[in-house]
C-alpha atoms as a PDB file:
ATOM      1  CA  MET A   1       0.007   0.016  -0.008  1.00  0.00           C
ATOM      2  CA  ARG A   2       1.386   3.383  -1.023  1.00  0.00           C
ATOM      3  CA  ARG A   3       0.071   5.274   2.038  1.00  0.00           C
ATOM      4  CA  LYS A   4       1.159   3.118   4.983  1.00  0.00           C
ATOM      5  CA  GLU A   5      -0.515   5.423   7.495  1.00  0.00           C
ATOM      6  CA  LYS A   6      -3.892   4.366   5.979  1.00  0.00           C
ATOM      7  CA  GLU A   7      -3.182   0.632   6.048  1.00  0.00           C
ATOM      8  CA  ILE A   8      -5.023  -1.689   8.441  1.00  0.00           C
ATOM      9  CA  THR A   9      -3.056  -4.859   9.247  1.00  0.00           C
ATOM     10  CA  ASP A  10      -4.739  -5.908  12.493  1.00  0.00           C
ATOM     11  CA  ARG A  11      -6.769  -9.003  11.617  1.00  0.00           C
ATOM     12  CA  ALA A  12      -9.377  -8.287  14.307  1.00  0.00           C
ATOM     13  CA  VAL A  13      -9.973  -4.831  12.855  1.00  0.00           C
ATOM     14  CA  ILE A  14     -10.210  -6.194   9.302  1.00  0.00           C
ATOM     15  CA  GLU A  15     -12.748  -8.809  10.471  1.00  0.00           C
ATOM     16  CA  SER A  16     -14.739  -6.168  12.333  1.00  0.00           C
ATOM     17  CA  ILE A  17     -15.117  -4.226   9.087  1.00  0.00           C
ATOM     18  CA  ILE A  18     -16.357  -7.354   7.344  1.00  0.00           C
ATOM     19  CA  LEU A  19     -18.826  -8.159  10.103  1.00  0.00           C
ATOM     20  CA  ARG A  20     -20.168  -4.579  10.126  1.00  0.00           C
ATOM     21  CA  SER A  21     -20.702  -4.527   6.360  1.00  0.00           C
ATOM     22  CA  SER A  22     -24.040  -5.135   4.800  1.00  0.00           C
ATOM     23  CA  VAL A  23     -22.848  -5.750   1.262  1.00  0.00           C
ATOM     24  CA  CYS A  24     -19.852  -7.515  -0.217  1.00  0.00           C
ATOM     25  CA  ARG A  25     -18.799  -6.589  -3.762  1.00  0.00           C
ATOM     26  CA  LEU A  26     -17.566  -9.665  -5.551  1.00  0.00           C
ATOM     27  CA  ALA A  27     -15.371  -9.063  -8.614  1.00  0.00           C
ATOM     28  CA  LEU A  28     -14.907 -11.729 -11.268  1.00  0.00           C
ATOM     29  CA  SER A  29     -13.176 -11.769 -14.632  1.00  0.00           C
ATOM     30  CA  GLU A  30     -14.193 -13.296 -17.935  1.00  0.00           C
ATOM     31  CA  ASP A  31     -11.919 -13.053 -20.991  1.00  0.00           C
ATOM     32  CA  SER A  32      -9.985 -10.237 -19.280  1.00  0.00           C
ATOM     33  CA  ARG A  33     -13.232  -8.264 -18.809  1.00  0.00           C
ATOM     34  CA  PRO A  34     -14.149  -7.411 -15.205  1.00  0.00           C
ATOM     35  CA  TYR A  35     -17.578  -8.026 -13.675  1.00  0.00           C
ATOM     36  CA  ILE A  36     -18.543  -6.901 -10.180  1.00  0.00           C
ATOM     37  CA  VAL A  37     -21.741  -7.620  -8.274  1.00  0.00           C
ATOM     38  CA  PRO A  38     -22.961  -6.535  -4.829  1.00  0.00           C
ATOM     39  CA  LEU A  39     -24.114  -9.474  -2.735  1.00  0.00           C
ATOM     40  CA  CYS A  40     -25.517 -10.464   0.637  1.00  0.00           C
ATOM     41  CA  PHE A  41     -22.912 -12.620   2.396  1.00  0.00           C
ATOM     42  CA  GLY A  42     -21.801 -14.547   5.419  1.00  0.00           C
ATOM     43  CA  TYR A  43     -18.265 -14.714   6.858  1.00  0.00           C
ATOM     44  CA  LYS A  44     -16.749 -17.356   9.101  1.00  0.00           C
ATOM     45  CA  ASP A  45     -13.331 -18.957   9.491  1.00  0.00           C
ATOM     46  CA  ASN A  46     -11.594 -16.995   6.725  1.00  0.00           C
ATOM     47  CA  THR A  47     -14.342 -17.972   4.254  1.00  0.00           C
ATOM     48  CA  LEU A  48     -17.101 -16.005   2.566  1.00  0.00           C
ATOM     49  CA  TYR A  49     -20.469 -17.478   1.582  1.00  0.00           C
ATOM     50  CA  PHE A  50     -22.978 -16.173  -0.965  1.00  0.00           C
ATOM     51  CA  HIS A  51     -26.280 -17.558  -2.171  1.00  0.00           C
ATOM     52  CA  SER A  52     -27.227 -17.522  -5.839  1.00  0.00           C
ATOM     53  CA  ALA A  53     -29.763 -18.756  -8.332  1.00  0.00           C
ATOM     54  CA  ARG A  54     -28.768 -21.928 -10.158  1.00  0.00           C
ATOM     55  CA  GLU A  55     -28.111 -20.006 -13.386  1.00  0.00           C
ATOM     56  CA  GLY A  56     -26.613 -16.619 -14.156  1.00  0.00           C
ATOM     57  CA  LYS A  57     -23.592 -14.609 -15.137  1.00  0.00           C
ATOM     58  CA  LYS A  58     -21.726 -15.124 -11.813  1.00  0.00           C
ATOM     59  CA  LEU A  59     -21.877 -18.912 -12.160  1.00  0.00           C
ATOM     60  CA  ASP A  60     -21.018 -18.798 -15.886  1.00  0.00           C
ATOM     61  CA  ILE A  61     -17.873 -16.777 -15.119  1.00  0.00           C
ATOM     62  CA  LEU A  62     -16.888 -18.824 -12.068  1.00  0.00           C
ATOM     63  CA  SER A  63     -17.089 -22.052 -14.090  1.00  0.00           C
ATOM     64  CA  LYS A  64     -14.291 -20.676 -16.280  1.00  0.00           C
ATOM     65  CA  ASN A  65     -12.316 -18.634 -13.751  1.00  0.00           C
ATOM     66  CA  ASN A  66     -12.686 -19.152  -9.987  1.00  0.00           C
ATOM     67  CA  LYS A  67     -10.249 -16.426  -8.994  1.00  0.00           C
ATOM     68  CA  VAL A  68     -12.133 -13.545  -7.321  1.00  0.00           C
ATOM     69  CA  CYS A  69     -11.550 -10.227  -5.610  1.00  0.00           C
ATOM     70  CA  PHE A  70     -13.921  -8.883  -2.938  1.00  0.00           C
ATOM     71  CA  GLU A  71     -14.451  -5.547  -1.256  1.00  0.00           C
ATOM     72  CA  PHE A  72     -16.244  -4.244   1.859  1.00  0.00           C
ATOM     73  CA  ASP A  73     -16.620  -0.608   3.023  1.00  0.00           C
ATOM     74  CA  ILE A  74     -18.154   1.069   6.048  1.00  0.00           C
ATOM     75  CA  ASP A  75     -18.304   4.366   7.958  1.00  0.00           C
ATOM     76  CA  HIS A  76     -18.653   6.607   4.894  1.00  0.00           C
ATOM     77  CA  GLU A  77     -18.615  10.351   5.515  1.00  0.00           C
ATOM     78  CA  ILE A  78     -17.917  13.216   3.142  1.00  0.00           C
ATOM     79  CA  VAL A  79     -15.265  15.626   4.381  1.00  0.00           C
ATOM     80  CA  GLU A  80     -16.026  19.146   3.146  1.00  0.00           C
ATOM     81  CA  ALA A  81     -13.513  21.909   2.610  1.00  0.00           C
ATOM     82  CA  LYS A  82     -13.449  25.446   1.197  1.00  0.00           C
ATOM     83  CA  ASP A  83     -11.221  24.385  -1.679  1.00  0.00           C
ATOM     84  CA  ALA A  84     -12.923  21.837  -3.976  1.00  0.00           C
ATOM     85  CA  CYS A  85      -9.679  19.921  -4.366  1.00  0.00           C
ATOM     86  CA  LYS A  86      -9.448  19.419  -0.584  1.00  0.00           C
ATOM     87  CA  TRP A  87     -12.762  17.545  -0.230  1.00  0.00           C
ATOM     88  CA  GLY A  88     -12.394  13.968   0.788  1.00  0.00           C
ATOM     89  CA  MET A  89     -14.117  10.886   2.220  1.00  0.00           C
ATOM     90  CA  LYS A  90     -13.844   9.090   5.524  1.00  0.00           C
ATOM     91  CA  TYR A  91     -14.178   5.327   5.271  1.00  0.00           C
ATOM     92  CA  ARG A  92     -12.885   1.954   6.306  1.00  0.00           C
ATOM     93  CA  SER A  93     -12.521  -0.803   3.719  1.00  0.00           C
ATOM     94  CA  VAL A  94     -11.244  -4.314   3.105  1.00  0.00           C
ATOM     95  CA  ILE A  95     -10.080  -5.735  -0.175  1.00  0.00           C
ATOM     96  CA  GLY A  96      -9.032  -9.331  -0.645  1.00  0.00           C
ATOM     97  CA  TYR A  97      -8.543 -12.239  -3.008  1.00  0.00           C
ATOM     98  CA  GLY A  98      -9.656 -15.835  -3.015  1.00  0.00           C
ATOM     99  CA  LYS A  99     -10.831 -18.839  -4.925  1.00  0.00           C
ATOM    100  CA  ALA A 100     -14.508 -19.612  -5.340  1.00  0.00           C
ATOM    101  CA  SER A 101     -16.220 -22.973  -5.449  1.00  0.00           C
ATOM    102  CA  VAL A 102     -19.802 -24.186  -5.403  1.00  0.00           C
ATOM    103  CA  ILE A 103     -21.161 -26.092  -2.426  1.00  0.00           C
ATOM    104  CA  ASP A 104     -23.537 -28.872  -3.447  1.00  0.00           C
ATOM    105  CA  ASP A 105     -24.206 -31.129  -0.475  1.00  0.00           C
ATOM    106  CA  PRO A 106     -27.265 -30.245   1.572  1.00  0.00           C
ATOM    107  CA  GLU A 107     -25.573 -30.317   4.975  1.00  0.00           C
ATOM    108  CA  SER A 108     -22.882 -27.832   3.856  1.00  0.00           C
ATOM    109  CA  LYS A 109     -25.486 -25.656   2.153  1.00  0.00           C
ATOM    110  CA  HIS A 110     -27.548 -25.577   5.330  1.00  0.00           C
ATOM    111  CA  ARG A 111     -24.491 -24.578   7.353  1.00  0.00           C
ATOM    112  CA  ALA A 112     -23.633 -21.825   4.802  1.00  0.00           C
ATOM    113  CA  PHE A 113     -27.207 -20.495   4.839  1.00  0.00           C
ATOM    114  CA  ASN A 114     -26.979 -20.253   8.657  1.00  0.00           C
ATOM    115  CA  ILE A 115     -23.725 -18.312   8.359  1.00  0.00           C
ATOM    116  CA  ILE A 116     -25.375 -15.862   5.949  1.00  0.00           C
ATOM    117  CA  MET A 117     -28.504 -15.496   8.068  1.00  0.00           C
ATOM    118  CA  GLN A 118     -26.501 -15.138  11.271  1.00  0.00           C
ATOM    119  CA  HIS A 119     -24.815 -12.096   9.669  1.00  0.00           C
ATOM    120  CA  TYR A 120     -28.120 -10.335   8.966  1.00  0.00           C
ATOM    121  CA  ALA A 121     -30.604 -11.751  11.480  1.00  0.00           C
ATOM    122  CA  GLY A 122     -28.363 -12.897  14.312  1.00  0.00           C
ATOM    123  CA  SER A 123     -29.905 -16.356  14.292  1.00  0.00           C
ATOM    124  CA  SER A 124     -30.270 -19.564  12.354  1.00  0.00           C
ATOM    125  CA  PHE A 125     -33.354 -20.791  10.498  1.00  0.00           C
ATOM    126  CA  THR A 126     -34.901 -23.924   9.072  1.00  0.00           C
ATOM    127  CA  TYR A 127     -34.861 -24.148   5.274  1.00  0.00           C
ATOM    128  CA  ALA A 128     -37.193 -26.072   3.043  1.00  0.00           C
ATOM    129  CA  GLU A 129     -35.468 -28.837   1.139  1.00  0.00           C
ATOM    130  CA  ALA A 130     -36.670 -27.282  -2.137  1.00  0.00           C
ATOM    131  CA  VAL A 131     -34.872 -24.056  -1.229  1.00  0.00           C
ATOM    132  CA  LEU A 132     -31.673 -25.901  -0.518  1.00  0.00           C
ATOM    133  CA  LYS A 133     -32.030 -27.767  -3.796  1.00  0.00           C
ATOM    134  CA  ASP A 134     -32.797 -24.710  -5.945  1.00  0.00           C
ATOM    135  CA  THR A 135     -30.141 -22.431  -4.503  1.00  0.00           C
ATOM    136  CA  VAL A 136     -26.401 -22.440  -5.132  1.00  0.00           C
ATOM    137  CA  ILE A 137     -23.955 -21.527  -2.425  1.00  0.00           C
ATOM    138  CA  ILE A 138     -20.756 -19.967  -3.558  1.00  0.00           C
ATOM    139  CA  LYS A 139     -17.869 -20.405  -1.102  1.00  0.00           C
ATOM    140  CA  VAL A 140     -14.808 -18.165  -1.331  1.00  0.00           C
ATOM    141  CA  GLU A 141     -11.724 -19.364   0.522  1.00  0.00           C
ATOM    142  CA  ILE A 142      -9.799 -16.215   1.269  1.00  0.00           C
ATOM    143  CA  GLU A 143      -6.151 -16.249   0.257  1.00  0.00           C
ATOM    144  CA  SER A 144      -5.276 -12.728   1.285  1.00  0.00           C
ATOM    145  CA  MET A 145      -6.916  -9.463   2.380  1.00  0.00           C
ATOM    146  CA  GLY A 146      -5.993  -6.109   3.797  1.00  0.00           C
ATOM    147  CA  GLY A 147      -7.694  -3.021   5.133  1.00  0.00           C
ATOM    148  CA  LYS A 148      -7.558   0.681   4.601  1.00  0.00           C
ATOM    149  CA  LYS A 149      -8.866   3.672   6.575  1.00  0.00           C
ATOM    150  CA  SER A 150      -9.054   7.242   5.511  1.00  0.00           C
ATOM    151  CA  GLU A 151      -9.505  10.196   7.847  1.00  0.00           C
ATOM    152  CA  TYR A 152      -9.945   7.941  10.883  1.00  0.00           C
END
């Protein structure tokens, strides 16, 4: 990172940013063309979980290239100044890289659904077998990630 004073290296702080985020932006690449999508997510044990329909652009791309980048950001605040070129933004963010795979077995899907729902609802649920069957879970094993803060 060019500006070391903005870098967040403390793993607990990085994970707190992830856990406070409501959206994860997942970036994929197909034929050297980027594609990014905001998603609901769950995070546990250095792994991200996303739910998806059984068909779609994400899955098409992941079937060819499972390398992904992800991004989280929180605590946004515009910093005003008299000089237009001195305006800025306060924020905390995390960017990382990993490899995605699809979870197929019902027990692992149920566990992943609970991780996602725990993030948003703070509890686990029961899922109809048809829902588990008709939904794809994308699992991203995180290879590396780092954080950045500005104006904090």
